[in-house]
Full PDB file with SEQRES, HELIX, SHEET, SSBOND, CRYST1, ORIGX, SCALE, CONECT and MASTER records, all heavy atoms in Angstrom:
SEQRES   1 A   37  PRO ALA ALA LEU HIS ASN PRO ASP ASN LEU ASP THR SER          
SEQRES   2 A   37  LEU ASN SER LEU MET ILE GLN GLU ASP PRO GLY SER HIS          
SEQRES   3 A   37  ASN SER PHE PRO VAL GLY GLN GLY PRO ALA ALA                  
HELIX    1 AA1 SER A   25  ASN A   27  5                                   3    
SHEET    1 AA1 2 PRO A   7  THR A  12  0                                        
SHEET    2 AA1 2 LEU A  17  GLU A  21 -1                                        
CRYST1    1.000    1.000    1.000  90.00  90.00  90.00 P 1           1          
ORIGX1      1.000000  0.000000  0.000000        0.00000                         
ORIGX2      0.000000  1.000000  0.000000        0.00000                         
ORIGX3      0.000000  0.000000  1.000000        0.00000                         
SCALE1      1.000000  0.000000  0.000000        0.00000                         
SCALE2      0.000000  1.000000  0.000000        0.00000                         
SCALE3      0.000000  0.000000  1.000000        0.00000                         
ATOM      1  N   PRO A   1      96.323 104.666 102.029  1.00  0.00           N  
ATOM      2  CA  PRO A   1      97.349 105.551 101.487  1.00  0.00           C  
ATOM      3  C   PRO A   1      98.342 106.045 102.534  1.00  0.00           C  
ATOM      4  O   PRO A   1      99.476 106.405 102.197  1.00  0.00           O  
ATOM      5  CB  PRO A   1      96.539 106.718 100.909  1.00  0.00           C  
ATOM      6  CG  PRO A   1      95.175 106.176 100.686  1.00  0.00           C  
ATOM      7  CD  PRO A   1      94.964 105.164 101.778  1.00  0.00           C  
ATOM      8  N   ALA A   2      97.927 106.074 103.803  1.00  0.00           N  
ATOM      9  CA  ALA A   2      98.788 106.611 104.850  1.00  0.00           C  
ATOM     10  C   ALA A   2      99.832 105.609 105.337  1.00  0.00           C  
ATOM     11  O   ALA A   2     100.769 105.983 106.044  1.00  0.00           O  
ATOM     12  CB  ALA A   2      97.939 107.079 106.032  1.00  0.00           C  
ATOM     13  N   ALA A   3      99.689 104.344 104.967  1.00  0.00           N  
ATOM     14  CA  ALA A   3     100.613 103.313 105.441  1.00  0.00           C  
ATOM     15  C   ALA A   3     101.881 103.289 104.599  1.00  0.00           C  
ATOM     16  O   ALA A   3     101.870 103.639 103.417  1.00  0.00           O  
ATOM     17  CB  ALA A   3      99.947 101.942 105.405  1.00  0.00           C  
ATOM     18  N   LEU A   4     102.973 102.886 105.216  1.00  0.00           N  
ATOM     19  CA  LEU A   4     104.193 102.584 104.473  1.00  0.00           C  
ATOM     20  C   LEU A   4     103.924 101.367 103.602  1.00  0.00           C  
ATOM     21  O   LEU A   4     103.387 100.358 104.062  1.00  0.00           O  
ATOM     22  CB  LEU A   4     105.330 102.300 105.451  1.00  0.00           C  
ATOM     23  CG  LEU A   4     106.648 101.767 104.880  1.00  0.00           C  
ATOM     24  CD1 LEU A   4     107.321 102.819 104.008  1.00  0.00           C  
ATOM     25  CD2 LEU A   4     107.587 101.343 106.018  1.00  0.00           C  
ATOM     26  N   HIS A   5     104.288 101.446 102.321  1.00  0.00           N  
ATOM     27  CA  HIS A   5     103.970 100.383 101.367  1.00  0.00           C  
ATOM     28  C   HIS A   5     105.237  99.646 100.929  1.00  0.00           C  
ATOM     29  O   HIS A   5     106.059 100.199 100.198  1.00  0.00           O  
ATOM     30  CB  HIS A   5     103.265 100.954 100.131  1.00  0.00           C  
ATOM     31  CG  HIS A   5     101.925 101.532 100.413  1.00  0.00           C  
ATOM     32  ND1 HIS A   5     101.340 102.503  99.617  1.00  0.00           N  
ATOM     33  CD2 HIS A   5     101.037 101.280 101.406  1.00  0.00           C  
ATOM     34  CE1 HIS A   5     100.151 102.811 100.112  1.00  0.00           C  
ATOM     35  NE2 HIS A   5      99.948 102.089 101.194  1.00  0.00           N  
ATOM     36  N   ASN A   6     105.392  98.431 101.390  1.00  0.00           N  
ATOM     37  CA  ASN A   6     106.401  97.506 100.855  1.00  0.00           C  
ATOM     38  C   ASN A   6     107.800  98.122 100.783  1.00  0.00           C  
ATOM     39  O   ASN A   6     108.315  98.410  99.702  1.00  0.00           O  
ATOM     40  CB  ASN A   6     105.967  96.988  99.485  1.00  0.00           C  
ATOM     41  CG  ASN A   6     104.551  96.458  99.510  1.00  0.00           C  
ATOM     42  OD1 ASN A   6     103.657  97.045  98.914  1.00  0.00           O  
ATOM     43  ND2 ASN A   6     104.320  95.372 100.223  1.00  0.00           N  
ATOM     44  N   PRO A   7     108.428  98.320 101.950  1.00  0.00           N  
ATOM     45  CA  PRO A   7     109.768  98.919 101.986  1.00  0.00           C  
ATOM     46  C   PRO A   7     110.765  98.079 101.208  1.00  0.00           C  
ATOM     47  O   PRO A   7     110.745  96.853 101.261  1.00  0.00           O  
ATOM     48  CB  PRO A   7     110.100  98.964 103.475  1.00  0.00           C  
ATOM     49  CG  PRO A   7     109.233  97.912 104.102  1.00  0.00           C  
ATOM     50  CD  PRO A   7     107.983  97.911 103.286  1.00  0.00           C  
ATOM     51  N   ASP A   8     111.652  98.767 100.499  1.00  0.00           N  
ATOM     52  CA  ASP A   8     112.607  98.106  99.617  1.00  0.00           C  
ATOM     53  C   ASP A   8     114.030  98.489  99.999  1.00  0.00           C  
ATOM     54  O   ASP A   8     114.704  97.787 100.724  1.00  0.00           O  
ATOM     55  CB  ASP A   8     112.280  98.475  98.171  1.00  0.00           C  
ATOM     56  CG  ASP A   8     113.048  97.660  97.155  1.00  0.00           C  
ATOM     57  OD1 ASP A   8     114.072  97.056  97.523  1.00  0.00           O  
ATOM     58  OD2 ASP A   8     112.644  97.615  95.987  1.00  0.00           O  
ATOM     59  N   ASN A   9     114.490  99.646  99.528  1.00  0.00           N  
ATOM     60  CA  ASN A   9     115.880 100.040  99.776  1.00  0.00           C  
ATOM     61  C   ASN A   9     116.007 100.978 100.970  1.00  0.00           C  
ATOM     62  O   ASN A   9     115.090 101.745 101.275  1.00  0.00           O  
ATOM     63  CB  ASN A   9     116.479 100.690  98.532  1.00  0.00           C  
ATOM     64  CG  ASN A   9     116.713  99.669  97.431  1.00  0.00           C  
ATOM     65  OD1 ASN A   9     115.950  99.573  96.486  1.00  0.00           O  
ATOM     66  ND2 ASN A   9     117.766  98.885  97.581  1.00  0.00           N  
ATOM     67  N   LEU A  10     117.188 100.918 101.607  1.00  0.00           N  
ATOM     68  CA  LEU A  10     117.454 101.667 102.831  1.00  0.00           C  
ATOM     69  C   LEU A  10     118.841 102.289 102.798  1.00  0.00           C  
ATOM     70  O   LEU A  10     119.740 101.784 102.132  1.00  0.00           O  
ATOM     71  CB  LEU A  10     117.418 100.747 104.061  1.00  0.00           C  
ATOM     72  CG  LEU A  10     116.226  99.853 104.334  1.00  0.00           C  
ATOM     73  CD1 LEU A  10     116.549  98.918 105.495  1.00  0.00           C  
ATOM     74  CD2 LEU A  10     115.011 100.692 104.656  1.00  0.00           C  
ATOM     75  N   ASP A  11     119.010 103.353 103.532  1.00  0.00           N  
ATOM     76  CA  ASP A  11     120.336 103.813 103.938  1.00  0.00           C  
ATOM     77  C   ASP A  11     120.166 104.689 105.163  1.00  0.00           C  
ATOM     78  O   ASP A  11     119.052 105.114 105.496  1.00  0.00           O  
ATOM     79  CB  ASP A  11     121.064 104.567 102.828  1.00  0.00           C  
ATOM     80  CG  ASP A  11     122.584 104.613 103.068  1.00  0.00           C  
ATOM     81  OD1 ASP A  11     123.071 103.857 103.948  1.00  0.00           O  
ATOM     82  OD2 ASP A  11     123.285 105.393 102.417  1.00  0.00           O  
ATOM     83  N   THR A  12     121.280 104.965 105.831  1.00  0.00           N  
ATOM     84  CA  THR A  12     121.253 105.739 107.057  1.00  0.00           C  
ATOM     85  C   THR A  12     122.229 106.903 106.987  1.00  0.00           C  
ATOM     86  O   THR A  12     123.196 106.890 106.230  1.00  0.00           O  
ATOM     87  CB  THR A  12     121.637 104.886 108.284  1.00  0.00           C  
ATOM     88  OG1 THR A  12     122.959 104.364 108.091  1.00  0.00           O  
ATOM     89  CG2 THR A  12     120.664 103.753 108.507  1.00  0.00           C  
ATOM     90  N   SER A  13     121.953 107.917 107.805  1.00  0.00           N  
ATOM     91  CA  SER A  13     122.900 108.959 108.142  1.00  0.00           C  
ATOM     92  C   SER A  13     123.031 108.922 109.666  1.00  0.00           C  
ATOM     93  O   SER A  13     122.552 107.984 110.310  1.00  0.00           O  
ATOM     94  CB  SER A  13     122.396 110.326 107.663  1.00  0.00           C  
ATOM     95  OG  SER A  13     121.205 110.674 108.360  1.00  0.00           O  
ATOM     96  N   LEU A  14     123.637 109.948 110.247  1.00  0.00           N  
ATOM     97  CA  LEU A  14     123.794 109.945 111.699  1.00  0.00           C  
ATOM     98  C   LEU A  14     122.461 110.070 112.425  1.00  0.00           C  
ATOM     99  O   LEU A  14     122.337 109.635 113.562  1.00  0.00           O  
ATOM    100  CB  LEU A  14     124.723 111.082 112.129  1.00  0.00           C  
ATOM    101  CG  LEU A  14     126.201 110.906 111.759  1.00  0.00           C  
ATOM    102  CD1 LEU A  14     126.994 112.155 112.120  1.00  0.00           C  
ATOM    103  CD2 LEU A  14     126.790 109.679 112.454  1.00  0.00           C  
ATOM    104  N   ASN A  15     121.439 110.651 111.773  1.00  0.00           N  
ATOM    105  CA  ASN A  15     120.170 110.847 112.477  1.00  0.00           C  
ATOM    106  C   ASN A  15     118.953 110.315 111.735  1.00  0.00           C  
ATOM    107  O   ASN A  15     117.832 110.480 112.201  1.00  0.00           O  
ATOM    108  CB  ASN A  15     119.967 112.333 112.794  1.00  0.00           C  
ATOM    109  CG  ASN A  15     119.770 113.195 111.548  1.00  0.00           C  
ATOM    110  OD1 ASN A  15     119.841 112.702 110.434  1.00  0.00           O  
ATOM    111  ND2 ASN A  15     119.535 114.481 111.755  1.00  0.00           N  
ATOM    112  N   SER A  16     119.153 109.683 110.569  1.00  0.00           N  
ATOM    113  CA  SER A  16     118.006 109.278 109.764  1.00  0.00           C  
ATOM    114  C   SER A  16     118.171 107.866 109.211  1.00  0.00           C  
ATOM    115  O   SER A  16     119.279 107.450 108.876  1.00  0.00           O  
ATOM    116  CB  SER A  16     117.817 110.225 108.563  1.00  0.00           C  
ATOM    117  OG  SER A  16     117.641 111.552 108.979  1.00  0.00           O  
ATOM    118  N   LEU A  17     117.042 107.184 109.115  1.00  0.00           N  
ATOM    119  CA  LEU A  17     116.932 105.960 108.325  1.00  0.00           C  
ATOM    120  C   LEU A  17     115.993 106.282 107.184  1.00  0.00           C  
ATOM    121  O   LEU A  17     114.827 106.626 107.394  1.00  0.00           O  
ATOM    122  CB  LEU A  17     116.376 104.812 109.166  1.00  0.00           C  
ATOM    123  CG  LEU A  17     115.985 103.534 108.409  1.00  0.00           C  
ATOM    124  CD1 LEU A  17     117.210 102.880 107.774  1.00  0.00           C  
ATOM    125  CD2 LEU A  17     115.273 102.548 109.333  1.00  0.00           C  
ATOM    126  N   MET A  18     116.505 106.221 105.950  1.00  0.00           N  
ATOM    127  CA  MET A  18     115.704 106.524 104.773  1.00  0.00           C  
ATOM    128  C   MET A  18     115.154 105.222 104.189  1.00  0.00           C  
ATOM    129  O   MET A  18     115.887 104.229 104.059  1.00  0.00           O  
ATOM    130  CB  MET A  18     116.530 107.267 103.738  1.00  0.00           C  
ATOM    131  CG  MET A  18     117.236 108.502 104.288  1.00  0.00           C  
ATOM    132  SD  MET A  18     116.107 109.761 104.916  1.00  0.00           S  
ATOM    133  CE  MET A  18     115.447 110.364 103.361  1.00  0.00           C  
ATOM    134  N   ILE A  19     113.875 105.236 103.820  1.00  0.00           N  
ATOM    135  CA  ILE A  19     113.170 104.032 103.381  1.00  0.00           C  
ATOM    136  C   ILE A  19     112.468 104.327 102.060  1.00  0.00           C  
ATOM    137  O   ILE A  19     111.722 105.304 101.952  1.00  0.00           O  
ATOM    138  CB  ILE A  19     112.120 103.599 104.429  1.00  0.00           C  
ATOM    139  CG1 ILE A  19     112.756 103.437 105.813  1.00  0.00           C  
ATOM    140  CG2 ILE A  19     111.418 102.324 103.994  1.00  0.00           C  
ATOM    141  CD1 ILE A  19     111.740 103.352 106.945  1.00  0.00           C  
ATOM    142  N   GLN A  20     112.671 103.472 101.075  1.00  0.00           N  
ATOM    143  CA  GLN A  20     112.007 103.624  99.786  1.00  0.00           C  
ATOM    144  C   GLN A  20     110.963 102.533  99.599  1.00  0.00           C  
ATOM    145  O   GLN A  20     111.168 101.379  99.978  1.00  0.00           O  
ATOM    146  CB  GLN A  20     113.034 103.545  98.655  1.00  0.00           C  
ATOM    147  CG  GLN A  20     113.995 104.716  98.645  1.00  0.00           C  
ATOM    148  CD  GLN A  20     115.083 104.515  97.609  1.00  0.00           C  
ATOM    149  OE1 GLN A  20     115.859 103.580  97.722  1.00  0.00           O  
ATOM    150  NE2 GLN A  20     115.151 105.386  96.613  1.00  0.00           N  
ATOM    151  N   GLU A  21     109.845 102.912  98.975  1.00  0.00           N  
ATOM    152  CA  GLU A  21     108.758 101.976  98.716  1.00  0.00           C  
ATOM    153  C   GLU A  21     108.879 101.357  97.322  1.00  0.00           C  
ATOM    154  O   GLU A  21     109.297 102.013  96.365  1.00  0.00           O  
ATOM    155  CB  GLU A  21     107.411 102.697  98.795  1.00  0.00           C  
ATOM    156  CG  GLU A  21     107.036 103.221 100.151  1.00  0.00           C  
ATOM    157  CD  GLU A  21     105.702 103.950 100.131  1.00  0.00           C  
ATOM    158  OE1 GLU A  21     105.380 104.588  99.101  1.00  0.00           O  
ATOM    159  OE2 GLU A  21     104.981 103.877 101.128  1.00  0.00           O  
ATOM    160  N   ASP A  22     108.490 100.093  97.236  1.00  0.00           N  
ATOM    161  CA  ASP A  22     108.286  99.420  95.953  1.00  0.00           C  
ATOM    162  C   ASP A  22     106.921  98.749  96.041  1.00  0.00           C  
ATOM    163  O   ASP A  22     106.813  97.549  96.320  1.00  0.00           O  
ATOM    164  CB  ASP A  22     109.393  98.402  95.689  1.00  0.00           C  
ATOM    165  CG  ASP A  22     109.193  97.660  94.372  1.00  0.00           C  
ATOM    166  OD1 ASP A  22     108.337  98.082  93.575  1.00  0.00           O  
ATOM    167  OD2 ASP A  22     109.884  96.645  94.147  1.00  0.00           O  
ATOM    168  N   PRO A  23     105.839  99.502  95.823  1.00  0.00           N  
ATOM    169  CA  PRO A  23     104.498  98.973  96.089  1.00  0.00           C  
ATOM    170  C   PRO A  23     104.151  97.767  95.231  1.00  0.00           C  
ATOM    171  O   PRO A  23     104.432  97.727  94.032  1.00  0.00           O  
ATOM    172  CB  PRO A  23     103.586 100.160  95.756  1.00  0.00           C  
ATOM    173  CG  PRO A  23     104.464 101.366  95.860  1.00  0.00           C  
ATOM    174  CD  PRO A  23     105.805 100.909  95.392  1.00  0.00           C  
ATOM    175  N   GLY A  24     103.524  96.763  95.858  1.00  0.00           N  
ATOM    176  CA  GLY A  24     102.944  95.659  95.115  1.00  0.00           C  
ATOM    177  C   GLY A  24     101.661  96.113  94.443  1.00  0.00           C  
ATOM    178  O   GLY A  24     101.153  97.215  94.688  1.00  0.00           O  
ATOM    179  N   SER A  25     101.099  95.262  93.602  1.00  0.00           N  
ATOM    180  CA  SER A  25      99.878  95.636  92.878  1.00  0.00           C  
ATOM    181  C   SER A  25      98.732  95.938  93.834  1.00  0.00           C  
ATOM    182  O   SER A  25      97.858  96.765  93.531  1.00  0.00           O  
ATOM    183  CB  SER A  25      99.479  94.521  91.913  1.00  0.00           C  
ATOM    184  OG  SER A  25      99.263  93.303  92.610  1.00  0.00           O  
ATOM    185  N   HIS A  26      98.744  95.308  95.012  1.00  0.00           N  
ATOM    186  CA  HIS A  26      97.682  95.561  95.986  1.00  0.00           C  
ATOM    187  C   HIS A  26      97.830  96.929  96.634  1.00  0.00           C  
ATOM    188  O   HIS A  26      96.915  97.401  97.303  1.00  0.00           O  
ATOM    189  CB  HIS A  26      97.704  94.475  97.061  1.00  0.00           C  
ATOM    190  CG  HIS A  26      98.988  94.405  97.824  1.00  0.00           C  
ATOM    191  ND1 HIS A  26     100.145  93.906  97.258  1.00  0.00           N  
ATOM    192  CD2 HIS A  26      99.326  94.776  99.083  1.00  0.00           C  
ATOM    193  CE1 HIS A  26     101.130  93.972  98.149  1.00  0.00           C  
ATOM    194  NE2 HIS A  26     100.655  94.491  99.245  1.00  0.00           N  
ATOM    195  N   ASN A  27      98.998  97.566  96.464  1.00  0.00           N  
ATOM    196  CA  ASN A  27      99.219  98.911  97.001  1.00  0.00           C  
ATOM    197  C   ASN A  27      99.371  99.940  95.890  1.00  0.00           C  
ATOM    198  O   ASN A  27      99.954 101.000  96.103  1.00  0.00           O  
ATOM    199  CB  ASN A  27     100.451  98.926  97.904  1.00  0.00           C  
ATOM    200  CG  ASN A  27     100.133  98.493  99.319  1.00  0.00           C  
ATOM    201  OD1 ASN A  27      99.058  98.786  99.824  1.00  0.00           O  
ATOM    202  ND2 ASN A  27     101.051  97.790  99.952  1.00  0.00           N  
ATOM    203  N   SER A  28      98.860  99.625  94.703  1.00  0.00           N  
ATOM    204  CA  SER A  28      98.792 100.601  93.619  1.00  0.00           C  
ATOM    205  C   SER A  28      97.375 101.151  93.551  1.00  0.00           C  
ATOM    206  O   SER A  28      96.409 100.436  93.822  1.00  0.00           O  
ATOM    207  CB  SER A  28      99.183  99.949  92.290  1.00  0.00           C  
ATOM    208  OG  SER A  28     100.537  99.545  92.299  1.00  0.00           O  
ATOM    209  N   PHE A  29      97.258 102.421  93.174  1.00  0.00           N  
ATOM    210  CA  PHE A  29      95.975 103.108  93.241  1.00  0.00           C  
ATOM    211  C   PHE A  29      95.610 103.685  91.871  1.00  0.00           C  
ATOM    212  O   PHE A  29      96.493 104.112  91.122  1.00  0.00           O  
ATOM    213  CB  PHE A  29      96.023 104.248  94.268  1.00  0.00           C  
ATOM    214  CG  PHE A  29      96.242 103.791  95.673  1.00  0.00           C  
ATOM    215  CD1 PHE A  29      97.530 103.591  96.165  1.00  0.00           C  
ATOM    216  CD2 PHE A  29      95.172 103.539  96.517  1.00  0.00           C  
ATOM    217  CE1 PHE A  29      97.736 103.172  97.469  1.00  0.00           C  
ATOM    218  CE2 PHE A  29      95.372 103.115  97.828  1.00  0.00           C  
ATOM    219  CZ  PHE A  29      96.657 102.925  98.299  1.00  0.00           C  
ATOM    220  N   PRO A  30      94.309 103.745  91.542  1.00  0.00           N  
ATOM    221  CA  PRO A  30      93.911 104.447  90.316  1.00  0.00           C  
ATOM    222  C   PRO A  30      94.413 105.883  90.339  1.00  0.00           C  
ATOM    223  O   PRO A  30      94.571 106.482  91.411  1.00  0.00           O  
ATOM    224  CB  PRO A  30      92.378 104.389  90.365  1.00  0.00           C  
ATOM    225  CG  PRO A  30      92.066 103.212  91.243  1.00  0.00           C  
ATOM    226  CD  PRO A  30      93.162 103.170  92.263  1.00  0.00           C  
ATOM    227  N   VAL A  31      94.667 106.425  89.157  1.00  0.00           N  
ATOM    228  CA  VAL A  31      95.206 107.775  89.061  1.00  0.00           C  
ATOM    229  C   VAL A  31      94.303 108.758  89.810  1.00  0.00           C  
ATOM    230  O   VAL A  31      93.082 108.761  89.639  1.00  0.00           O  
ATOM    231  CB  VAL A  31      95.340 108.196  87.585  1.00  0.00           C  
ATOM    232  CG1 VAL A  31      95.786 109.644  87.478  1.00  0.00           C  
ATOM    233  CG2 VAL A  31      96.329 107.285  86.875  1.00  0.00           C  
ATOM    234  N   GLY A  32      94.907 109.546  90.679  1.00  0.00           N  
ATOM    235  CA  GLY A  32      94.176 110.532  91.449  1.00  0.00           C  
ATOM    236  C   GLY A  32      93.592 110.030  92.750  1.00  0.00           C  
ATOM    237  O   GLY A  32      92.990 110.811  93.499  1.00  0.00           O  
ATOM    238  N   GLN A  33      93.785 108.751  93.061  1.00  0.00           N  
ATOM    239  CA  GLN A  33      93.145 108.193  94.256  1.00  0.00           C  
ATOM    240  C   GLN A  33      94.125 107.715  95.325  1.00  0.00           C  
ATOM    241  O   GLN A  33      93.708 107.120  96.315  1.00  0.00           O  
ATOM    242  CB  GLN A  33      92.221 107.040  93.857  1.00  0.00           C  
ATOM    243  CG  GLN A  33      91.067 107.473  92.972  1.00  0.00           C  
ATOM    244  CD  GLN A  33      90.083 106.353  92.714  1.00  0.00           C  
ATOM    245  OE1 GLN A  33      89.924 105.437  93.513  1.00  0.00           O  
ATOM    246  NE2 GLN A  33      89.392 106.414  91.574  1.00  0.00           N  
ATOM    247  N   GLY A  34      95.393 107.912  95.153  1.00  0.00           N  
ATOM    248  CA  GLY A  34      96.350 107.458  96.160  1.00  0.00           C  
ATOM    249  C   GLY A  34      97.725 107.998  95.872  1.00  0.00           C  
ATOM    250  O   GLY A  34      97.915 108.781  94.936  1.00  0.00           O  
ATOM    251  N   PRO A  35      98.714 107.572  96.641  1.00  0.00           N  
ATOM    252  CA  PRO A  35     100.075 108.061  96.425  1.00  0.00           C  
ATOM    253  C   PRO A  35     100.836 107.213  95.416  1.00  0.00           C  
ATOM    254  O   PRO A  35     100.543 106.036  95.208  1.00  0.00           O  
ATOM    255  CB  PRO A  35     100.702 107.916  97.814  1.00  0.00           C  
ATOM    256  CG  PRO A  35     100.016 106.702  98.381  1.00  0.00           C  
ATOM    257  CD  PRO A  35      98.600 106.742  97.850  1.00  0.00           C  
ATOM    258  N   ALA A  36     101.804 107.836  94.778  1.00  0.00           N  
ATOM    259  CA  ALA A  36     102.816 107.075  94.060  1.00  0.00           C  
ATOM    260  C   ALA A  36     103.823 106.561  95.083  1.00  0.00           C  
ATOM    261  O   ALA A  36     103.688 106.799  96.286  1.00  0.00           O  
ATOM    262  CB  ALA A  36     103.489 107.957  93.009  1.00  0.00           C  
ATOM    263  N   ALA A  37     104.827 105.831  94.624  1.00  0.00           N  
ATOM    264  CA  ALA A  37     105.854 105.326  95.546  1.00  0.00           C  
ATOM    265  C   ALA A  37     106.564 106.495  96.211  1.00  0.00           C  
ATOM    266  O   ALA A  37     106.852 107.513  95.569  1.00  0.00           O  
ATOM    267  CB  ALA A  37     106.851 104.450  94.789  1.00  0.00           C  
TER     268      ALA A  37                                                      
MASTER        0    0    0    1    2    0    0    6  267    1    0    3          
END                                                                             
């Protein structure tokens, strides 16, 4: 759960790189047992 899962979309500002996850089925978790995207 602590790992970055399947990065998809990106954008930047002057000090940040923003990263969005699109988890594959291997990075999906039963309800209550892991993070959402």
